PDB file of all heavy atoms in Angstrom:
ATOM      1  N   TYR A   1     117.891  67.620 114.269  1.00  0.00           N
ATOM      2  CA  TYR A   1     119.118  67.015 113.789  1.00  0.00           C
ATOM      3  C   TYR A   1     119.067  66.735 112.309  1.00  0.00           C
ATOM      4  O   TYR A   1     120.083  66.784 111.562  1.00  0.00           O
ATOM      5  CB  TYR A   1     119.519  65.790 114.584  1.00  0.00           C
ATOM      6  CG  TYR A   1     120.245  66.058 115.807  1.00  0.00           C
ATOM      7  CD1 TYR A   1     119.716  65.756 117.080  1.00  0.00           C
ATOM      8  CD2 TYR A   1     121.490  66.598 115.821  1.00  0.00           C
ATOM      9  CE1 TYR A   1     120.396  66.007 118.259  1.00  0.00           C
ATOM     10  CE2 TYR A   1     122.231  66.874 116.959  1.00  0.00           C
ATOM     11  CZ  TYR A   1     121.679  66.539 118.227  1.00  0.00           C
ATOM     12  OH  TYR A   1     122.381  66.844 119.360  1.00  0.00           O
ATOM     13  N   GLU A   2     117.891  66.264 111.806  1.00  0.00           N
ATOM     14  CA  GLU A   2     117.740  66.005 110.400  1.00  0.00           C
ATOM     15  C   GLU A   2     117.978  67.277 109.511  1.00  0.00           C
ATOM     16  O   GLU A   2     118.693  67.217 108.480  1.00  0.00           O
ATOM     17  CB  GLU A   2     116.332  65.449 110.044  1.00  0.00           C
ATOM     18  CG  GLU A   2     116.076  64.102 110.599  1.00  0.00           C
ATOM     19  CD  GLU A   2     114.609  63.677 110.429  1.00  0.00           C
ATOM     20  OE1 GLU A   2     113.999  64.129 109.401  1.00  0.00           O
ATOM     21  OE2 GLU A   2     114.064  62.956 111.257  1.00  0.00           O
ATOM     22  N   ASP A   3     117.464  68.376 110.035  1.00  0.00           N
ATOM     23  CA  ASP A   3     117.626  69.624 109.294  1.00  0.00           C
ATOM     24  C   ASP A   3     119.102  70.101 109.355  1.00  0.00           C
ATOM     25  O   ASP A   3     119.712  70.613 108.412  1.00  0.00           O
ATOM     26  CB  ASP A   3     116.784  70.725 109.855  1.00  0.00           C
ATOM     27  CG  ASP A   3     115.401  70.665 109.367  1.00  0.00           C
ATOM     28  OD1 ASP A   3     115.097  69.888 108.386  1.00  0.00           O
ATOM     29  OD2 ASP A   3     114.505  71.388 109.857  1.00  0.00           O
ATOM     30  N   LYS A   4     119.801  69.736 110.434  1.00  0.00           N
ATOM     31  CA  LYS A   4     121.225  70.092 110.589  1.00  0.00           C
ATOM     32  C   LYS A   4     122.023  69.265 109.543  1.00  0.00           C
ATOM     33  O   LYS A   4     122.866  69.895 108.847  1.00  0.00           O
ATOM     34  CB  LYS A   4     121.689  69.745 111.993  1.00  0.00           C
ATOM     35  CG  LYS A   4     123.193  70.009 112.188  1.00  0.00           C
ATOM     36  CD  LYS A   4     123.596  69.640 113.631  1.00  0.00           C
ATOM     37  CE  LYS A   4     125.102  69.864 113.818  1.00  0.00           C
ATOM     38  NZ  LYS A   4     125.473  69.589 115.263  1.00  0.00           N
ATOM     39  N   ILE A   5     121.802  68.057 109.435  1.00  0.00           N
ATOM     40  CA  ILE A   5     122.490  67.163 108.477  1.00  0.00           C
ATOM     41  C   ILE A   5     122.109  67.534 107.063  1.00  0.00           C
ATOM     42  O   ILE A   5     122.934  67.520 106.121  1.00  0.00           O
ATOM     43  CB  ILE A   5     122.177  65.660 108.708  1.00  0.00           C
ATOM     44  CG1 ILE A   5     122.657  65.267 110.104  1.00  0.00           C
ATOM     45  CG2 ILE A   5     122.834  64.799 107.662  1.00  0.00           C
ATOM     46  CD1 ILE A   5     124.180  65.491 110.328  1.00  0.00           C
ATOM     47  N   GLY A   6     120.816  67.957 106.905  1.00  0.00           N
ATOM     48  CA  GLY A   6     120.336  68.420 105.549  1.00  0.00           C
ATOM     49  C   GLY A   6     120.748  69.877 105.172  1.00  0.00           C
ATOM     50  O   GLY A   6     120.362  70.359 104.103  1.00  0.00           O
ATOM     51  N   ARG A   7     121.546  70.447 106.046  1.00  0.00           N
ATOM     52  CA  ARG A   7     122.131  71.765 105.806  1.00  0.00           C
ATOM     53  C   ARG A   7     121.018  72.912 105.621  1.00  0.00           C
ATOM     54  O   ARG A   7     121.244  73.805 104.849  1.00  0.00           O
ATOM     55  CB  ARG A   7     123.083  71.762 104.626  1.00  0.00           C
ATOM     56  CG  ARG A   7     124.315  70.917 104.830  1.00  0.00           C
ATOM     57  CD  ARG A   7     124.999  70.605 103.551  1.00  0.00           C
ATOM     58  NE  ARG A   7     124.224  69.770 102.696  1.00  0.00           N
ATOM     59  CZ  ARG A   7     124.681  69.125 101.597  1.00  0.00           C
ATOM     60  NH1 ARG A   7     125.871  69.319 101.240  1.00  0.00           N
ATOM     61  NH2 ARG A   7     123.877  68.406 100.860  1.00  0.00           N
ATOM     62  N   ARG A   8     120.001  72.761 106.364  1.00  0.00           N
ATOM     63  CA  ARG A   8     118.893  73.795 106.247  1.00  0.00           C
ATOM     64  C   ARG A   8     118.560  74.361 107.651  1.00  0.00           C
ATOM     65  O   ARG A   8     117.525  75.051 107.719  1.00  0.00           O
ATOM     66  CB  ARG A   8     117.721  73.174 105.550  1.00  0.00           C
ATOM     67  CG  ARG A   8     117.152  71.959 106.040  1.00  0.00           C
ATOM     68  CD  ARG A   8     115.985  71.386 105.329  1.00  0.00           C
ATOM     69  NE  ARG A   8     115.671  70.050 105.907  1.00  0.00           N
ATOM     70  CZ  ARG A   8     116.050  68.951 105.389  1.00  0.00           C
ATOM     71  NH1 ARG A   8     116.755  68.870 104.285  1.00  0.00           N
ATOM     72  NH2 ARG A   8     115.755  67.764 105.958  1.00  0.00           N
ATOM     73  N   SER A   9     119.194  73.968 108.677  1.00  0.00           N
ATOM     74  CA  SER A   9     118.791  74.384 110.009  1.00  0.00           C
ATOM     75  C   SER A   9     119.068  75.890 110.258  1.00  0.00           C
ATOM     76  O   SER A   9     119.914  76.521 109.639  1.00  0.00           O
ATOM     77  CB  SER A   9     119.505  73.577 111.119  1.00  0.00           C
ATOM     78  OG  SER A   9     120.876  73.816 111.129  1.00  0.00           O
ATOM     79  N   ILE A  10     118.313  76.433 111.213  1.00  0.00           N
ATOM     80  CA  ILE A  10     118.557  77.777 111.657  1.00  0.00           C
ATOM     81  C   ILE A  10     119.525  77.643 112.840  1.00  0.00           C
ATOM     82  O   ILE A  10     119.221  76.878 113.809  1.00  0.00           O
ATOM     83  CB  ILE A  10     117.270  78.481 112.144  1.00  0.00           C
ATOM     84  CG1 ILE A  10     116.206  78.446 111.054  1.00  0.00           C
ATOM     85  CG2 ILE A  10     117.537  79.963 112.598  1.00  0.00           C
ATOM     86  CD1 ILE A  10     116.545  79.222 109.799  1.00  0.00           C
ATOM     87  N   ARG A  11     120.620  78.375 112.831  1.00  0.00           N
ATOM     88  CA  ARG A  11     121.593  78.285 113.931  1.00  0.00           C
ATOM     89  C   ARG A  11     121.565  79.589 114.756  1.00  0.00           C
ATOM     90  O   ARG A  11     121.024  80.570 114.326  1.00  0.00           O
ATOM     91  CB  ARG A  11     123.015  78.027 113.369  1.00  0.00           C
ATOM     92  CG  ARG A  11     123.083  76.733 112.566  1.00  0.00           C
ATOM     93  CD  ARG A  11     124.509  76.322 112.360  1.00  0.00           C
ATOM     94  NE  ARG A  11     125.225  77.133 111.397  1.00  0.00           N
ATOM     95  CZ  ARG A  11     126.519  77.034 111.140  1.00  0.00           C
ATOM     96  NH1 ARG A  11     127.239  76.031 111.682  1.00  0.00           N
ATOM     97  NH2 ARG A  11     127.121  77.868 110.327  1.00  0.00           N
ATOM     98  N   VAL A  12     122.160  79.516 115.873  1.00  0.00           N
ATOM     99  CA  VAL A  12     122.173  80.617 116.835  1.00  0.00           C
ATOM    100  C   VAL A  12     122.644  81.902 116.123  1.00  0.00           C
ATOM    101  O   VAL A  12     122.104  82.966 116.203  1.00  0.00           O
ATOM    102  CB  VAL A  12     122.996  80.335 118.063  1.00  0.00           C
ATOM    103  CG1 VAL A  12     123.166  81.619 118.927  1.00  0.00           C
ATOM    104  CG2 VAL A  12     122.315  79.275 118.952  1.00  0.00           C
ATOM    105  N   MET A  13     123.696  81.760 115.351  1.00  0.00           N
ATOM    106  CA  MET A  13     124.383  82.887 114.691  1.00  0.00           C
ATOM    107  C   MET A  13     123.374  83.598 113.653  1.00  0.00           C
ATOM    108  O   MET A  13     123.513  84.787 113.409  1.00  0.00           O
ATOM    109  CB  MET A  13     125.612  82.481 114.003  1.00  0.00           C
ATOM    110  CG  MET A  13     125.395  81.531 112.871  1.00  0.00           C
ATOM    111  SD  MET A  13     126.913  80.978 112.054  1.00  0.00           S
ATOM    112  CE  MET A  13     127.597  79.917 113.225  1.00  0.00           C
ATOM    113  N   ASP A  14     122.429  82.816 113.148  1.00  0.00           N
ATOM    114  CA  ASP A  14     121.444  83.361 112.196  1.00  0.00           C
ATOM    115  C   ASP A  14     120.558  84.421 112.825  1.00  0.00           C
ATOM    116  O   ASP A  14     119.946  85.176 112.058  1.00  0.00           O
ATOM    117  CB  ASP A  14     120.653  82.272 111.557  1.00  0.00           C
ATOM    118  CG  ASP A  14     121.579  81.310 110.741  1.00  0.00           C
ATOM    119  OD1 ASP A  14     122.491  81.746 110.105  1.00  0.00           O
ATOM    120  OD2 ASP A  14     121.219  80.107 110.763  1.00  0.00           O
ATOM    121  N   LEU A  15     120.472  84.423 114.109  1.00  0.00           N
ATOM    122  CA  LEU A  15     119.582  85.456 114.756  1.00  0.00           C
ATOM    123  C   LEU A  15     120.222  86.825 114.711  1.00  0.00           C
ATOM    124  O   LEU A  15     119.503  87.824 115.065  1.00  0.00           O
ATOM    125  CB  LEU A  15     119.327  85.019 116.208  1.00  0.00           C
ATOM    126  CG  LEU A  15     118.631  83.640 116.432  1.00  0.00           C
ATOM    127  CD1 LEU A  15     118.447  83.392 117.947  1.00  0.00           C
ATOM    128  CD2 LEU A  15     117.283  83.662 115.729  1.00  0.00           C
ATOM    129  N   ARG A  16     121.515  86.918 114.388  1.00  0.00           N
ATOM    130  CA  ARG A  16     122.154  88.218 114.395  1.00  0.00           C
ATOM    131  C   ARG A  16     121.802  89.088 113.178  1.00  0.00           C
ATOM    132  O   ARG A  16     121.871  90.323 113.210  1.00  0.00           O
ATOM    133  CB  ARG A  16     123.662  88.049 114.403  1.00  0.00           C
ATOM    134  CG  ARG A  16     124.237  87.432 115.665  1.00  0.00           C
ATOM    135  CD  ARG A  16     125.757  87.664 115.714  1.00  0.00           C
ATOM    136  NE  ARG A  16     126.339  87.163 116.957  1.00  0.00           N
ATOM    137  CZ  ARG A  16     127.133  86.061 117.015  1.00  0.00           C
ATOM    138  NH1 ARG A  16     127.469  85.460 115.870  1.00  0.00           N
ATOM    139  NH2 ARG A  16     127.607  85.621 118.155  1.00  0.00           N
ATOM    140  N   SER A  17     121.336  88.443 112.075  1.00  0.00           N
ATOM    141  CA  SER A  17     121.124  89.156 110.831  1.00  0.00           C
ATOM    142  C   SER A  17     119.730  88.853 110.332  1.00  0.00           C
ATOM    143  O   SER A  17     119.365  87.687 110.076  1.00  0.00           O
ATOM    144  CB  SER A  17     122.138  88.682 109.749  1.00  0.00           C
ATOM    145  OG  SER A  17     121.775  89.136 108.481  1.00  0.00           O
ATOM    146  N   GLU A  18     118.901  89.918 110.179  1.00  0.00           N
ATOM    147  CA  GLU A  18     117.532  89.705 109.694  1.00  0.00           C
ATOM    148  C   GLU A  18     117.548  89.202 108.310  1.00  0.00           C
ATOM    149  O   GLU A  18     116.714  88.402 107.928  1.00  0.00           O
ATOM    150  CB  GLU A  18     116.722  91.056 109.813  1.00  0.00           C
ATOM    151  CG  GLU A  18     115.274  90.941 109.545  1.00  0.00           C
ATOM    152  CD  GLU A  18     114.482  92.146 109.794  1.00  0.00           C
ATOM    153  OE1 GLU A  18     114.993  93.036 110.565  1.00  0.00           O
ATOM    154  OE2 GLU A  18     113.343  92.202 109.256  1.00  0.00           O
ATOM    155  N   THR A  19     118.450  89.686 107.506  1.00  0.00           N
ATOM    156  CA  THR A  19     118.567  89.273 106.092  1.00  0.00           C
ATOM    157  C   THR A  19     118.908  87.789 105.989  1.00  0.00           C
ATOM    158  O   THR A  19     118.293  87.049 105.222  1.00  0.00           O
ATOM    159  CB  THR A  19     119.575  90.113 105.333  1.00  0.00           C
ATOM    160  OG1 THR A  19     119.274  91.495 105.386  1.00  0.00           O
ATOM    161  CG2 THR A  19     119.687  89.658 103.854  1.00  0.00           C
ATOM    162  N   ASN A  20     119.922  87.412 106.782  1.00  0.00           N
ATOM    163  CA  ASN A  20     120.301  86.019 106.825  1.00  0.00           C
ATOM    164  C   ASN A  20     119.186  85.114 107.339  1.00  0.00           C
ATOM    165  O   ASN A  20     118.960  84.036 106.780  1.00  0.00           O
ATOM    166  CB  ASN A  20     121.619  85.811 107.639  1.00  0.00           C
ATOM    167  CG  ASN A  20     122.184  84.435 107.455  1.00  0.00           C
ATOM    168  OD1 ASN A  20     122.350  83.985 106.339  1.00  0.00           O
ATOM    169  ND2 ASN A  20     122.487  83.817 108.613  1.00  0.00           N
ATOM    170  N   LEU A  21     118.512  85.578 108.357  1.00  0.00           N
ATOM    171  CA  LEU A  21     117.386  84.791 108.912  1.00  0.00           C
ATOM    172  C   LEU A  21     116.315  84.606 107.874  1.00  0.00           C
ATOM    173  O   LEU A  21     115.735  83.527 107.795  1.00  0.00           O
ATOM    174  CB  LEU A  21     116.896  85.520 110.147  1.00  0.00           C
ATOM    175  CG  LEU A  21     115.750  84.771 110.945  1.00  0.00           C
ATOM    176  CD1 LEU A  21     116.266  83.428 111.396  1.00  0.00           C
ATOM    177  CD2 LEU A  21     115.259  85.598 112.119  1.00  0.00           C
ATOM    178  N   ASP A  22     116.075  85.642 107.098  1.00  0.00           N
ATOM    179  CA  ASP A  22     115.089  85.512 106.001  1.00  0.00           C
ATOM    180  C   ASP A  22     115.403  84.325 105.029  1.00  0.00           C
ATOM    181  O   ASP A  22     114.566  83.513 104.732  1.00  0.00           O
ATOM    182  CB  ASP A  22     114.972  86.801 105.158  1.00  0.00           C
ATOM    183  CG  ASP A  22     113.853  87.739 105.652  1.00  0.00           C
ATOM    184  OD1 ASP A  22     112.869  87.223 106.056  1.00  0.00           O
ATOM    185  OD2 ASP A  22     114.082  88.946 105.560  1.00  0.00           O
ATOM    186  N   ASN A  23     116.688  84.368 104.644  1.00  0.00           N
ATOM    187  CA  ASN A  23     117.146  83.393 103.663  1.00  0.00           C
ATOM    188  C   ASN A  23     117.094  81.973 104.313  1.00  0.00           C
ATOM    189  O   ASN A  23     116.679  80.995 103.626  1.00  0.00           O
ATOM    190  CB  ASN A  23     118.532  83.667 103.257  1.00  0.00           C
ATOM    191  CG  ASN A  23     118.610  85.023 102.397  1.00  0.00           C
ATOM    192  OD1 ASN A  23     117.644  85.348 101.741  1.00  0.00           O
ATOM    193  ND2 ASN A  23     119.778  85.665 102.433  1.00  0.00           N
ATOM    194  N   ARG A  24     117.525  81.858 105.504  1.00  0.00           N
ATOM    195  CA  ARG A  24     117.499  80.515 106.112  1.00  0.00           C
ATOM    196  C   ARG A  24     116.122  80.002 106.385  1.00  0.00           C
ATOM    197  O   ARG A  24     115.879  78.816 106.224  1.00  0.00           O
ATOM    198  CB  ARG A  24     118.293  80.646 107.485  1.00  0.00           C
ATOM    199  CG  ARG A  24     119.719  81.118 107.404  1.00  0.00           C
ATOM    200  CD  ARG A  24     120.569  80.188 106.465  1.00  0.00           C
ATOM    201  NE  ARG A  24     120.523  78.816 106.881  1.00  0.00           N
ATOM    202  CZ  ARG A  24     120.797  77.780 106.099  1.00  0.00           C
ATOM    203  NH1 ARG A  24     121.086  78.028 104.792  1.00  0.00           N
ATOM    204  NH2 ARG A  24     120.780  76.601 106.567  1.00  0.00           N
ATOM    205  N   LEU A  25     115.178  80.910 106.670  1.00  0.00           N
ATOM    206  CA  LEU A  25     113.827  80.466 106.905  1.00  0.00           C
ATOM    207  C   LEU A  25     113.178  80.026 105.602  1.00  0.00           C
ATOM    208  O   LEU A  25     112.439  79.059 105.588  1.00  0.00           O
ATOM    209  CB  LEU A  25     113.020  81.581 107.535  1.00  0.00           C
ATOM    210  CG  LEU A  25     113.201  81.823 109.064  1.00  0.00           C
ATOM    211  CD1 LEU A  25     112.512  83.099 109.504  1.00  0.00           C
ATOM    212  CD2 LEU A  25     112.642  80.645 109.859  1.00  0.00           C
ATOM    213  N   ASP A  26     113.505  80.736 104.509  1.00  0.00           N
ATOM    214  CA  ASP A  26     112.989  80.335 103.206  1.00  0.00           C
ATOM    215  C   ASP A  26     113.414  78.890 102.890  1.00  0.00           C
ATOM    216  O   ASP A  26     112.622  78.040 102.446  1.00  0.00           O
ATOM    217  CB  ASP A  26     113.496  81.235 102.093  1.00  0.00           C
ATOM    218  CG  ASP A  26     112.802  82.600 102.072  1.00  0.00           C
ATOM    219  OD1 ASP A  26     111.654  82.666 102.551  1.00  0.00           O
ATOM    220  OD2 ASP A  26     113.393  83.594 101.532  1.00  0.00           O
ATOM    221  N   ASN A  27     114.646  78.596 103.234  1.00  0.00           N
ATOM    222  CA  ASN A  27     115.218  77.294 102.922  1.00  0.00           C
ATOM    223  C   ASN A  27     114.553  76.211 103.708  1.00  0.00           C
ATOM    224  O   ASN A  27     114.132  75.148 103.171  1.00  0.00           O
ATOM    225  CB  ASN A  27     116.740  77.326 103.136  1.00  0.00           C
ATOM    226  CG  ASN A  27     117.488  76.113 102.656  1.00  0.00           C
ATOM    227  OD1 ASN A  27     117.067  75.565 101.599  1.00  0.00           O
ATOM    228  ND2 ASN A  27     118.459  75.638 103.393  1.00  0.00           N
ATOM    229  N   VAL A  28     114.498  76.395 105.047  1.00  0.00           N
ATOM    230  CA  VAL A  28     113.996  75.320 105.935  1.00  0.00           C
ATOM    231  C   VAL A  28     112.464  75.155 105.747  1.00  0.00           C
ATOM    232  O   VAL A  28     111.939  74.056 105.769  1.00  0.00           O
ATOM    233  CB  VAL A  28     114.311  75.596 107.381  1.00  0.00           C
ATOM    234  CG1 VAL A  28     113.532  76.692 108.020  1.00  0.00           C
ATOM    235  CG2 VAL A  28     114.165  74.334 108.175  1.00  0.00           C
ATOM    236  N   LEU A  29     111.698  76.220 105.507  1.00  0.00           N
ATOM    237  CA  LEU A  29     110.284  76.147 105.322  1.00  0.00           C
ATOM    238  C   LEU A  29     109.876  75.539 103.982  1.00  0.00           C
ATOM    239  O   LEU A  29     108.837  74.921 103.834  1.00  0.00           O
ATOM    240  CB  LEU A  29     109.605  77.543 105.473  1.00  0.00           C
ATOM    241  CG  LEU A  29     109.549  78.023 106.900  1.00  0.00           C
ATOM    242  CD1 LEU A  29     108.974  79.480 107.000  1.00  0.00           C
ATOM    243  CD2 LEU A  29     108.793  77.118 107.865  1.00  0.00           C
ATOM    244  N   LEU A  30     110.703  75.748 102.962  1.00  0.00           N
ATOM    245  CA  LEU A  30     110.509  75.049 101.654  1.00  0.00           C
ATOM    246  C   LEU A  30     110.363  73.531 101.878  1.00  0.00           C
ATOM    247  O   LEU A  30     109.489  72.899 101.310  1.00  0.00           O
ATOM    248  CB  LEU A  30     111.598  75.448 100.682  1.00  0.00           C
ATOM    249  CG  LEU A  30     111.518  74.754  99.297  1.00  0.00           C
ATOM    250  CD1 LEU A  30     110.291  75.284  98.534  1.00  0.00           C
ATOM    251  CD2 LEU A  30     112.852  75.031  98.514  1.00  0.00           C
ATOM    252  N   HIS A  31     111.290  72.990 102.693  1.00  0.00           N
ATOM    253  CA  HIS A  31     111.303  71.568 102.978  1.00  0.00           C
ATOM    254  C   HIS A  31     110.096  71.222 103.848  1.00  0.00           C
ATOM    255  O   HIS A  31     109.353  70.262 103.484  1.00  0.00           O
ATOM    256  CB  HIS A  31     112.571  71.229 103.674  1.00  0.00           C
ATOM    257  CG  HIS A  31     112.684  69.844 104.177  1.00  0.00           C
ATOM    258  ND1 HIS A  31     113.021  68.724 103.328  1.00  0.00           N
ATOM    259  CD2 HIS A  31     112.455  69.336 105.390  1.00  0.00           C
ATOM    260  CE1 HIS A  31     112.982  67.654 104.064  1.00  0.00           C
ATOM    261  NE2 HIS A  31     112.655  67.965 105.325  1.00  0.00           N
ATOM    262  N   HIS A  32     109.867  71.881 104.949  1.00  0.00           N
ATOM    263  CA  HIS A  32     108.899  71.446 105.904  1.00  0.00           C
ATOM    264  C   HIS A  32     107.470  71.654 105.493  1.00  0.00           C
ATOM    265  O   HIS A  32     106.591  70.780 105.672  1.00  0.00           O
ATOM    266  CB  HIS A  32     109.164  72.069 107.260  1.00  0.00           C
ATOM    267  CG  HIS A  32     110.195  71.421 108.087  1.00  0.00           C
ATOM    268  ND1 HIS A  32     109.961  70.346 108.970  1.00  0.00           N
ATOM    269  CD2 HIS A  32     111.565  71.652 108.164  1.00  0.00           C
ATOM    270  CE1 HIS A  32     111.098  69.967 109.473  1.00  0.00           C
ATOM    271  NE2 HIS A  32     112.090  70.763 109.059  1.00  0.00           N
ATOM    272  N   ASN A  33     107.247  72.771 104.822  1.00  0.00           N
ATOM    273  CA  ASN A  33     105.863  73.054 104.347  1.00  0.00           C
ATOM    274  C   ASN A  33     105.453  72.102 103.272  1.00  0.00           C
ATOM    275  O   ASN A  33     104.250  71.790 103.117  1.00  0.00           O
ATOM    276  CB  ASN A  33     105.773  74.462 103.916  1.00  0.00           C
ATOM    277  CG  ASN A  33     105.544  75.454 105.074  1.00  0.00           C
ATOM    278  OD1 ASN A  33     105.145  75.002 106.177  1.00  0.00           O
ATOM    279  ND2 ASN A  33     105.854  76.735 104.872  1.00  0.00           N
ATOM    280  N   ALA A  34     106.411  71.618 102.443  1.00  0.00           N
ATOM    281  CA  ALA A  34     106.085  70.594 101.390  1.00  0.00           C
ATOM    282  C   ALA A  34     105.596  69.359 102.095  1.00  0.00           C
ATOM    283  O   ALA A  34     104.618  68.730 101.605  1.00  0.00           O
ATOM    284  CB  ALA A  34     107.304  70.376 100.552  1.00  0.00           C
ATOM    285  N   ILE A  35     106.270  68.907 103.146  1.00  0.00           N
ATOM    286  CA  ILE A  35     105.869  67.690 103.797  1.00  0.00           C
ATOM    287  C   ILE A  35     104.523  67.929 104.487  1.00  0.00           C
ATOM    288  O   ILE A  35     103.651  67.066 104.454  1.00  0.00           O
ATOM    289  CB  ILE A  35     106.903  67.342 104.849  1.00  0.00           C
ATOM    290  CG1 ILE A  35     108.239  66.933 104.185  1.00  0.00           C
ATOM    291  CG2 ILE A  35     106.453  66.180 105.772  1.00  0.00           C
ATOM    292  CD1 ILE A  35     109.411  66.685 105.121  1.00  0.00           C
ATOM    293  N   ARG A  36     104.343  69.098 105.132  1.00  0.00           N
ATOM    294  CA  ARG A  36     103.128  69.422 105.823  1.00  0.00           C
ATOM    295  C   ARG A  36     101.892  69.466 104.894  1.00  0.00           C
ATOM    296  O   ARG A  36     100.802  69.038 105.227  1.00  0.00           O
ATOM    297  CB  ARG A  36     103.262  70.712 106.598  1.00  0.00           C
ATOM    298  CG  ARG A  36     104.338  70.640 107.683  1.00  0.00           C
ATOM    299  CD  ARG A  36     104.421  71.964 108.462  1.00  0.00           C
ATOM    300  NE  ARG A  36     103.272  72.166 109.316  1.00  0.00           N
ATOM    301  CZ  ARG A  36     103.183  71.699 110.563  1.00  0.00           C
ATOM    302  NH1 ARG A  36     104.156  70.966 111.077  1.00  0.00           N
ATOM    303  NH2 ARG A  36     102.091  71.876 111.267  1.00  0.00           N
TER     304      ARG A  36
END
């Protein structure tokens, strides 16, 4: 839910496009890997 509010979550629709999935993963992992 935090990622959803932070506008970085992966949504069901993102699974339809490999290109879009790439971009979305870059965004969410930038946040989470920094914390990790």
